[in-house]
Amino acid sequence: MAIRNLDLSGRGSPVPSPTPKVLIVEDDYRIAAFIQRALSQAGYQVKLAIDGPAALAAAEAEQPDIVVLDVMLPGLDGLEVARRLRAGGGVPILMLTARDAIEDRVMGLDAGADDYLIKPFALEELLARLRALLRRQEVNAAERKRGTLTFSDIVLDQDAHEAVRGGHKLELRNMEYELLAFFLRHPGRVLSRREIFEEVWDFDFLGDSNVIEVTLGHLRQKLEAEGEPRVLHTVRSAGYVMREEVAAQ
């Protein structure tokens, strides 16, 4: 069983309202049924899929608010399912994986996952991450009505949920977009890893997580794809800052 420290008492923060619909994609029936029961007791509507093709069909038919997606699936693996879900829309994806190597986490984020959870995991952590992703989705919807953010030649249109640099549209994944928006709201200010993690990922800081570095690395690549100067800089032992690149003297 890949879940530990289970607590089905229903304690903890309430789920967002109206009742969110969760699609669980897990081929281990025992784990899937246990998560389904726990989330149902926590107030979620829950749908199950046991393989990749079933997951894509359920996502289209049910239009879930969030997807909990195992990596190792028969028929079509979780990475390919994530890619197809992401190509079709912005539903939040929480990926489950038994592999904790950095390259495995990178592949999950590259495929379009918004967050990942390593098996075995505590049920309380799964619930907390679901709440965080759903809260972020609500905030995102509100912020899309707040106009435009700009810095240098970067323009982020929150109404259209699009970002452009130097006239070139940036194809950003969900968390790359959110990270860029956070920097654009605080240009020139050094932002610590803790602050970024808690504000952008909306979850308590995990000191050993490399999700910021992975997402930031991909964002930098896209911002600099046309040879543009770097605007997201690492400040050693402090964090990161958005500023113009200082010309060498």
C-alpha atoms as a PDB file:
ATOM      1  CA  MET A   1       0.000   0.000   0.000  1.00  0.00           C
ATOM      2  CA  ALA A   2       1.490   3.302  -1.068  1.00  0.00           C
ATOM      3  CA  ILE A   3      -0.283   5.506   1.484  1.00  0.00           C
ATOM      4  CA  ARG A   4       0.780   6.075   5.065  1.00  0.00           C
ATOM      5  CA  ASN A   5      -0.378   7.951   8.163  1.00  0.00           C
ATOM      6  CA  LEU A   6      -3.973   7.627   7.055  1.00  0.00           C
ATOM      7  CA  ASP A   7      -6.695   9.642   8.786  1.00  0.00           C
ATOM      8  CA  LEU A   8     -10.228   9.373   7.467  1.00  0.00           C
ATOM      9  CA  SER A   9     -11.825  11.353  10.294  1.00  0.00           C
ATOM     10  CA  GLY A  10     -12.575  14.289   8.003  1.00  0.00           C
ATOM     11  CA  ARG A  11     -10.546  16.715  10.092  1.00  0.00           C
ATOM     12  CA  GLY A  12      -8.569  19.471   8.429  1.00  0.00           C
ATOM     13  CA  SER A  13      -9.367  22.356   6.133  1.00  0.00           C
ATOM     14  CA  PRO A  14     -12.659  22.191   4.244  1.00  0.00           C
ATOM     15  CA  VAL A  15     -12.646  21.609   0.510  1.00  0.00           C
ATOM     16  CA  PRO A  16     -13.404  24.582  -1.721  1.00  0.00           C
ATOM     17  CA  SER A  17     -17.017  25.206  -2.661  1.00  0.00           C
ATOM     18  CA  PRO A  18     -18.817  24.185  -4.834  1.00  0.00           C
ATOM     19  CA  THR A  19     -17.805  20.551  -4.387  1.00  0.00           C
ATOM     20  CA  PRO A  20     -14.795  19.868  -6.633  1.00  0.00           C
ATOM     21  CA  LYS A  21     -14.733  16.856  -8.919  1.00  0.00           C
ATOM     22  CA  VAL A  22     -11.530  14.773  -8.760  1.00  0.00           C
ATOM     23  CA  LEU A  23     -10.480  12.215 -11.362  1.00  0.00           C
ATOM     24  CA  ILE A  24      -8.209   9.552  -9.845  1.00  0.00           C
ATOM     25  CA  VAL A  25      -6.132   7.607 -12.363  1.00  0.00           C
ATOM     26  CA  GLU A  26      -4.552   4.622 -10.605  1.00  0.00           C
ATOM     27  CA  ASP A  27      -4.243   1.016 -11.794  1.00  0.00           C
ATOM     28  CA  ASP A  28      -3.800  -0.459  -8.300  1.00  0.00           C
ATOM     29  CA  TYR A  29      -7.424  -1.019  -7.321  1.00  0.00           C
ATOM     30  CA  ARG A  30      -6.721  -1.132  -3.578  1.00  0.00           C
ATOM     31  CA  ILE A  31      -4.996   2.249  -3.627  1.00  0.00           C
ATOM     32  CA  ALA A  32      -7.577   3.773  -5.964  1.00  0.00           C
ATOM     33  CA  ALA A  33     -10.502   2.571  -3.855  1.00  0.00           C
ATOM     34  CA  PHE A  34      -8.882   3.778  -0.651  1.00  0.00           C
ATOM     35  CA  ILE A  35      -8.183   7.250  -2.073  1.00  0.00           C
ATOM     36  CA  GLN A  36     -11.697   7.382  -3.490  1.00  0.00           C
ATOM     37  CA  ARG A  37     -13.220   6.593  -0.107  1.00  0.00           C
ATOM     38  CA  ALA A  38     -11.001   9.093   1.686  1.00  0.00           C
ATOM     39  CA  LEU A  39     -11.680  11.931  -0.755  1.00  0.00           C
ATOM     40  CA  SER A  40     -15.401  11.202  -0.761  1.00  0.00           C
ATOM     41  CA  GLN A  41     -15.425  11.430   3.021  1.00  0.00           C
ATOM     42  CA  ALA A  42     -13.498  14.703   2.747  1.00  0.00           C
ATOM     43  CA  GLY A  43     -16.256  16.156   0.572  1.00  0.00           C
ATOM     44  CA  TYR A  44     -15.033  15.622  -2.989  1.00  0.00           C
ATOM     45  CA  GLN A  45     -16.862  14.115  -5.944  1.00  0.00           C
ATOM     46  CA  VAL A  46     -14.599  11.310  -7.142  1.00  0.00           C
ATOM     47  CA  LYS A  47     -14.327   9.466 -10.453  1.00  0.00           C
ATOM     48  CA  LEU A  48     -11.940   6.563 -11.112  1.00  0.00           C
ATOM     49  CA  ALA A  49      -9.974   5.436 -14.161  1.00  0.00           C
ATOM     50  CA  ILE A  50      -7.616   2.444 -14.169  1.00  0.00           C
ATOM     51  CA  ASP A  51      -5.562   3.068 -17.314  1.00  0.00           C
ATOM     52  CA  GLY A  52      -4.472   5.812 -19.688  1.00  0.00           C
ATOM     53  CA  PRO A  53      -7.181   5.514 -22.364  1.00  0.00           C
ATOM     54  CA  ALA A  54      -9.891   5.352 -19.682  1.00  0.00           C
ATOM     55  CA  ALA A  55      -8.400   8.450 -18.044  1.00  0.00           C
ATOM     56  CA  LEU A  56      -8.582  10.488 -21.255  1.00  0.00           C
ATOM     57  CA  ALA A  57     -12.145   9.349 -21.891  1.00  0.00           C
ATOM     58  CA  ALA A  58     -13.188  10.170 -18.315  1.00  0.00           C
ATOM     59  CA  ALA A  59     -11.518  13.574 -18.457  1.00  0.00           C
ATOM     60  CA  GLU A  60     -13.462  14.458 -21.595  1.00  0.00           C
ATOM     61  CA  ALA A  61     -16.766  13.114 -20.286  1.00  0.00           C
ATOM     62  CA  GLU A  62     -16.571  14.316 -16.676  1.00  0.00           C
ATOM     63  CA  GLN A  63     -14.623  17.593 -17.027  1.00  0.00           C
ATOM     64  CA  PRO A  64     -12.930  17.194 -13.605  1.00  0.00           C
ATOM     65  CA  ASP A  65     -11.660  20.141 -11.577  1.00  0.00           C
ATOM     66  CA  ILE A  66      -8.412  18.302 -10.835  1.00  0.00           C
ATOM     67  CA  VAL A  67      -6.674  15.056 -11.843  1.00  0.00           C
ATOM     68  CA  VAL A  68      -4.638  12.779  -9.557  1.00  0.00           C
ATOM     69  CA  LEU A  69      -2.522  10.807 -11.999  1.00  0.00           C
ATOM     70  CA  ASP A  70      -0.239   7.826 -11.387  1.00  0.00           C
ATOM     71  CA  VAL A  71       2.837   7.639 -13.629  1.00  0.00           C
ATOM     72  CA  MET A  72       2.911   3.868 -14.134  1.00  0.00           C
ATOM     73  CA  LEU A  73      -0.253   2.951 -16.033  1.00  0.00           C
ATOM     74  CA  PRO A  74      -1.131   0.211 -18.512  1.00  0.00           C
ATOM     75  CA  GLY A  75      -2.126   1.101 -22.052  1.00  0.00           C
ATOM     76  CA  LEU A  76      -0.803   4.650 -21.943  1.00  0.00           C
ATOM     77  CA  ASP A  77       1.578   5.842 -19.251  1.00  0.00           C
ATOM     78  CA  GLY A  78       0.865   8.778 -16.965  1.00  0.00           C
ATOM     79  CA  LEU A  79       3.376  11.058 -18.666  1.00  0.00           C
ATOM     80  CA  GLU A  80       1.626  10.717 -22.026  1.00  0.00           C
ATOM     81  CA  VAL A  81      -1.772  11.147 -20.375  1.00  0.00           C
ATOM     82  CA  ALA A  82      -0.503  14.362 -18.743  1.00  0.00           C
ATOM     83  CA  ARG A  83       0.767  15.668 -22.090  1.00  0.00           C
ATOM     84  CA  ARG A  84      -2.592  15.046 -23.753  1.00  0.00           C
ATOM     85  CA  LEU A  85      -4.563  16.543 -20.875  1.00  0.00           C
ATOM     86  CA  ARG A  86      -2.352  19.611 -20.895  1.00  0.00           C
ATOM     87  CA  ALA A  87      -2.697  20.011 -24.653  1.00  0.00           C
ATOM     88  CA  GLY A  88      -6.458  19.994 -24.231  1.00  0.00           C
ATOM     89  CA  GLY A  89      -6.775  22.491 -21.391  1.00  0.00           C
ATOM     90  CA  GLY A  90      -5.601  23.774 -18.034  1.00  0.00           C
ATOM     91  CA  VAL A  91      -6.986  21.218 -15.578  1.00  0.00           C
ATOM     92  CA  PRO A  92      -4.584  20.946 -12.596  1.00  0.00           C
ATOM     93  CA  ILE A  93      -2.634  17.684 -12.517  1.00  0.00           C
ATOM     94  CA  LEU A  94      -1.155  16.151  -9.371  1.00  0.00           C
ATOM     95  CA  MET A  95       1.157  13.334 -10.402  1.00  0.00           C
ATOM     96  CA  LEU A  96       1.864  10.315  -8.193  1.00  0.00           C
ATOM     97  CA  THR A  97       5.145   8.482  -8.616  1.00  0.00           C
ATOM     98  CA  ALA A  98       7.101   5.824  -6.766  1.00  0.00           C
ATOM     99  CA  ARG A  99      10.330   7.209  -8.236  1.00  0.00           C
ATOM    100  CA  ASP A 100      12.024  10.027  -6.363  1.00  0.00           C
ATOM    101  CA  ALA A 101      14.971  10.678  -8.697  1.00  0.00           C
ATOM    102  CA  ILE A 102      15.279  14.256  -9.931  1.00  0.00           C
ATOM    103  CA  GLU A 103      15.040  13.198 -13.578  1.00  0.00           C
ATOM    104  CA  ASP A 104      11.712  11.479 -12.912  1.00  0.00           C
ATOM    105  CA  ARG A 105      10.310  14.618 -11.293  1.00  0.00           C
ATOM    106  CA  VAL A 106      11.581  16.704 -14.199  1.00  0.00           C
ATOM    107  CA  MET A 107       9.835  14.414 -16.695  1.00  0.00           C
ATOM    108  CA  GLY A 108       6.575  14.781 -14.791  1.00  0.00           C
ATOM    109  CA  LEU A 109       6.766  18.568 -14.758  1.00  0.00           C
ATOM    110  CA  ASP A 110       7.816  18.603 -18.409  1.00  0.00           C
ATOM    111  CA  ALA A 111       4.785  16.506 -19.277  1.00  0.00           C
ATOM    112  CA  GLY A 112       2.512  19.137 -17.771  1.00  0.00           C
ATOM    113  CA  ALA A 113       2.035  18.158 -14.124  1.00  0.00           C
ATOM    114  CA  ASP A 114       1.467  21.061 -11.736  1.00  0.00           C
ATOM    115  CA  ASP A 115       2.755  19.182  -8.708  1.00  0.00           C
ATOM    116  CA  TYR A 116       3.962  15.712  -7.780  1.00  0.00           C
ATOM    117  CA  LEU A 117       3.762  13.479  -4.760  1.00  0.00           C
ATOM    118  CA  ILE A 118       6.172  10.638  -4.012  1.00  0.00           C
ATOM    119  CA  LYS A 119       4.809   7.260  -2.922  1.00  0.00           C
ATOM    120  CA  PRO A 120       4.385   6.336  -0.152  1.00  0.00           C
ATOM    121  CA  PHE A 121       2.627   9.510   0.964  1.00  0.00           C
ATOM    122  CA  ALA A 122       0.478  10.627   3.866  1.00  0.00           C
ATOM    123  CA  LEU A 123      -3.185  11.090   3.049  1.00  0.00           C
ATOM    124  CA  GLU A 124      -3.094  14.454   4.840  1.00  0.00           C
ATOM    125  CA  GLU A 125      -0.435  15.648   2.396  1.00  0.00           C
ATOM    126  CA  LEU A 126      -2.474  14.500  -0.603  1.00  0.00           C
ATOM    127  CA  LEU A 127      -5.496  16.415   0.703  1.00  0.00           C
ATOM    128  CA  ALA A 128      -3.398  19.513   1.389  1.00  0.00           C
ATOM    129  CA  ARG A 129      -1.932  19.504  -2.114  1.00  0.00           C
ATOM    130  CA  LEU A 130      -5.359  19.092  -3.680  1.00  0.00           C
ATOM    131  CA  ARG A 131      -6.662  22.056  -1.695  1.00  0.00           C
ATOM    132  CA  ALA A 132      -3.640  24.126  -2.712  1.00  0.00           C
ATOM    133  CA  LEU A 133      -4.045  23.355  -6.420  1.00  0.00           C
ATOM    134  CA  LEU A 134      -7.763  24.137  -6.316  1.00  0.00           C
ATOM    135  CA  ARG A 135      -7.205  27.407  -4.427  1.00  0.00           C
ATOM    136  CA  ARG A 136      -4.603  28.397  -6.998  1.00  0.00           C
ATOM    137  CA  GLN A 137      -7.031  27.625  -9.809  1.00  0.00           C
ATOM    138  CA  GLU A 138      -9.593  29.960  -8.228  1.00  0.00           C
ATOM    139  CA  VAL A 139      -7.006  32.699  -7.776  1.00  0.00           C
ATOM    140  CA  ASN A 140      -5.845  32.274 -11.358  1.00  0.00           C
ATOM    141  CA  ALA A 141      -9.380  32.770 -12.652  1.00  0.00           C
ATOM    142  CA  ALA A 142      -9.711  36.000 -10.657  1.00  0.00           C
ATOM    143  CA  GLU A 143      -6.295  37.310 -11.648  1.00  0.00           C
ATOM    144  CA  ARG A 144      -7.021  36.833 -15.346  1.00  0.00           C
ATOM    145  CA  LYS A 145      -9.360  39.798 -14.990  1.00  0.00           C
ATOM    146  CA  ARG A 146      -6.656  42.076 -13.591  1.00  0.00           C
ATOM    147  CA  GLY A 147      -5.089  43.346 -16.787  1.00  0.00           C
ATOM    148  CA  THR A 148      -1.482  43.296 -17.935  1.00  0.00           C
ATOM    149  CA  LEU A 149       1.874  42.852 -16.192  1.00  0.00           C
ATOM    150  CA  THR A 150       5.040  44.082 -17.916  1.00  0.00           C
ATOM    151  CA  PHE A 151       8.777  44.176 -17.387  1.00  0.00           C
ATOM    152  CA  SER A 152      11.363  45.094 -20.032  1.00  0.00           C
ATOM    153  CA  ASP A 153      10.052  43.484 -23.247  1.00  0.00           C
ATOM    154  CA  ILE A 154       7.923  40.913 -21.390  1.00  0.00           C
ATOM    155  CA  VAL A 155       4.155  41.335 -21.443  1.00  0.00           C
ATOM    156  CA  LEU A 156       1.804  39.050 -19.533  1.00  0.00           C
ATOM    157  CA  ASP A 157      -1.883  39.457 -20.410  1.00  0.00           C
ATOM    158  CA  GLN A 158      -3.868  38.084 -17.487  1.00  0.00           C
ATOM    159  CA  ASP A 159      -7.175  38.388 -19.331  1.00  0.00           C
ATOM    160  CA  ALA A 160      -5.976  36.195 -22.203  1.00  0.00           C
ATOM    161  CA  HIS A 161      -3.667  34.129 -19.946  1.00  0.00           C
ATOM    162  CA  GLU A 162      -0.824  34.679 -22.412  1.00  0.00           C
ATOM    163  CA  ALA A 163       2.766  35.866 -22.173  1.00  0.00           C
ATOM    164  CA  VAL A 164       4.875  37.500 -24.876  1.00  0.00           C
ATOM    165  CA  ARG A 165       8.517  38.528 -25.039  1.00  0.00           C
ATOM    166  CA  GLY A 166       9.807  40.716 -27.819  1.00  0.00           C
ATOM    167  CA  GLY A 167       6.708  40.017 -29.867  1.00  0.00           C
ATOM    168  CA  HIS A 168       7.107  36.231 -29.557  1.00  0.00           C
ATOM    169  CA  LYS A 169       4.394  34.316 -27.731  1.00  0.00           C
ATOM    170  CA  LEU A 170       5.706  32.129 -24.911  1.00  0.00           C
ATOM    171  CA  GLU A 171       4.246  28.624 -24.673  1.00  0.00           C
ATOM    172  CA  LEU A 172       4.181  28.305 -20.890  1.00  0.00           C
ATOM    173  CA  ARG A 173       2.890  25.504 -18.749  1.00  0.00           C
ATOM    174  CA  ASN A 174       0.659  26.373 -15.793  1.00  0.00           C
ATOM    175  CA  MET A 175       3.349  26.691 -13.150  1.00  0.00           C
ATOM    176  CA  GLU A 176       5.772  28.472 -15.492  1.00  0.00           C
ATOM    177  CA  TYR A 177       3.053  31.048 -16.115  1.00  0.00           C
ATOM    178  CA  GLU A 178       2.341  31.439 -12.388  1.00  0.00           C
ATOM    179  CA  LEU A 179       6.033  31.752 -11.560  1.00  0.00           C
ATOM    180  CA  LEU A 180       6.534  34.422 -14.234  1.00  0.00           C
ATOM    181  CA  ALA A 181       3.481  36.329 -12.992  1.00  0.00           C
ATOM    182  CA  PHE A 182       4.848  36.269  -9.433  1.00  0.00           C
ATOM    183  CA  PHE A 183       8.185  37.703 -10.540  1.00  0.00           C
ATOM    184  CA  LEU A 184       6.404  40.335 -12.636  1.00  0.00           C
ATOM    185  CA  ARG A 185       4.475  41.462  -9.571  1.00  0.00           C
ATOM    186  CA  HIS A 186       7.730  41.917  -7.636  1.00  0.00           C
ATOM    187  CA  PRO A 187      10.410  43.206 -10.061  1.00  0.00           C
ATOM    188  CA  GLY A 188      13.736  44.105  -8.462  1.00  0.00           C
ATOM    189  CA  ARG A 189      12.908  42.316  -5.222  1.00  0.00           C
ATOM    190  CA  VAL A 190      14.871  39.253  -4.105  1.00  0.00           C
ATOM    191  CA  LEU A 191      12.387  36.443  -3.499  1.00  0.00           C
ATOM    192  CA  SER A 192      13.413  33.548  -1.266  1.00  0.00           C
ATOM    193  CA  ARG A 193      12.741  29.911  -2.147  1.00  0.00           C
ATOM    194  CA  ARG A 194      10.370  29.698   0.821  1.00  0.00           C
ATOM    195  CA  GLU A 195       8.400  32.729  -0.333  1.00  0.00           C
ATOM    196  CA  ILE A 196       8.164  31.468  -3.920  1.00  0.00           C
ATOM    197  CA  PHE A 197       7.112  27.982  -2.854  1.00  0.00           C
ATOM    198  CA  GLU A 198       4.469  29.180  -0.417  1.00  0.00           C
ATOM    199  CA  GLU A 199       3.077  31.928  -2.657  1.00  0.00           C
ATOM    200  CA  VAL A 200       3.262  30.305  -6.095  1.00  0.00           C
ATOM    201  CA  TRP A 201       2.690  26.659  -5.148  1.00  0.00           C
ATOM    202  CA  ASP A 202       0.458  27.683  -2.225  1.00  0.00           C
ATOM    203  CA  PHE A 203       1.905  24.959  -0.021  1.00  0.00           C
ATOM    204  CA  ASP A 204       4.117  24.802   3.056  1.00  0.00           C
ATOM    205  CA  PHE A 205       7.796  25.071   2.149  1.00  0.00           C
ATOM    206  CA  LEU A 206       9.622  21.777   1.591  1.00  0.00           C
ATOM    207  CA  GLY A 207      13.316  22.507   1.884  1.00  0.00           C
ATOM    208  CA  ASP A 208      14.423  19.464  -0.098  1.00  0.00           C
ATOM    209  CA  SER A 209      12.070  20.061  -3.040  1.00  0.00           C
ATOM    210  CA  ASN A 210      13.647  21.009  -6.355  1.00  0.00           C
ATOM    211  CA  VAL A 211      10.370  21.928  -8.044  1.00  0.00           C
ATOM    212  CA  ILE A 212      11.297  25.642  -8.069  1.00  0.00           C
ATOM    213  CA  GLU A 213      14.638  25.043  -9.757  1.00  0.00           C
ATOM    214  CA  VAL A 214      13.109  22.733 -12.357  1.00  0.00           C
ATOM    215  CA  THR A 215      10.273  25.130 -13.213  1.00  0.00           C
ATOM    216  CA  LEU A 216      12.563  28.171 -13.168  1.00  0.00           C
ATOM    217  CA  GLY A 217      15.023  26.434 -15.483  1.00  0.00           C
ATOM    218  CA  HIS A 218      12.321  25.767 -18.065  1.00  0.00           C
ATOM    219  CA  LEU A 219      10.974  29.296 -17.736  1.00  0.00           C
ATOM    220  CA  ARG A 220      14.422  30.765 -18.327  1.00  0.00           C
ATOM    221  CA  GLN A 221      14.869  28.622 -21.436  1.00  0.00           C
ATOM    222  CA  LYS A 222      11.634  29.920 -22.890  1.00  0.00           C
ATOM    223  CA  LEU A 223      12.335  33.534 -21.961  1.00  0.00           C
ATOM    224  CA  GLU A 224      15.770  33.331 -23.590  1.00  0.00           C
ATOM    225  CA  ALA A 225      14.860  31.154 -26.601  1.00  0.00           C
ATOM    226  CA  GLU A 226      15.370  34.000 -29.086  1.00  0.00           C
ATOM    227  CA  GLY A 227      18.685  35.093 -27.587  1.00  0.00           C
ATOM    228  CA  GLU A 228      17.172  37.644 -25.203  1.00  0.00           C
ATOM    229  CA  PRO A 229      19.166  38.695 -22.139  1.00  0.00           C
ATOM    230  CA  ARG A 230      18.481  37.001 -18.822  1.00  0.00           C
ATOM    231  CA  VAL A 231      15.976  38.686 -16.503  1.00  0.00           C
ATOM    232  CA  LEU A 232      15.583  35.974 -13.849  1.00  0.00           C
ATOM    233  CA  HIS A 233      18.753  35.850 -11.762  1.00  0.00           C
ATOM    234  CA  THR A 234      19.918  33.678  -8.891  1.00  0.00           C
ATOM    235  CA  VAL A 235      21.063  35.543  -5.800  1.00  0.00           C
ATOM    236  CA  ARG A 236      23.364  33.203  -3.939  1.00  0.00           C
ATOM    237  CA  SER A 237      22.079  32.117  -0.525  1.00  0.00           C
ATOM    238  CA  ALA A 238      19.124  34.491  -0.865  1.00  0.00           C
ATOM    239  CA  GLY A 239      16.823  33.451  -3.695  1.00  0.00           C
ATOM    240  CA  TYR A 240      15.925  34.875  -7.095  1.00  0.00           C
ATOM    241  CA  VAL A 241      15.241  38.291  -8.576  1.00  0.00           C
ATOM    242  CA  MET A 242      13.776  39.736 -11.772  1.00  0.00           C
ATOM    243  CA  ARG A 243      16.009  42.544 -13.038  1.00  0.00           C
ATOM    244  CA  GLU A 244      17.735  43.686 -16.186  1.00  0.00           C
ATOM    245  CA  GLU A 245      21.052  41.994 -16.909  1.00  0.00           C
ATOM    246  CA  VAL A 246      23.922  44.207 -15.794  1.00  0.00           C
ATOM    247  CA  ALA A 247      26.354  44.907 -18.634  1.00  0.00           C
ATOM    248  CA  ALA A 248      29.970  43.966 -17.978  1.00  0.00           C
ATOM    249  CA  GLN A 249      32.207  46.947 -17.293  1.00  0.00           C
END
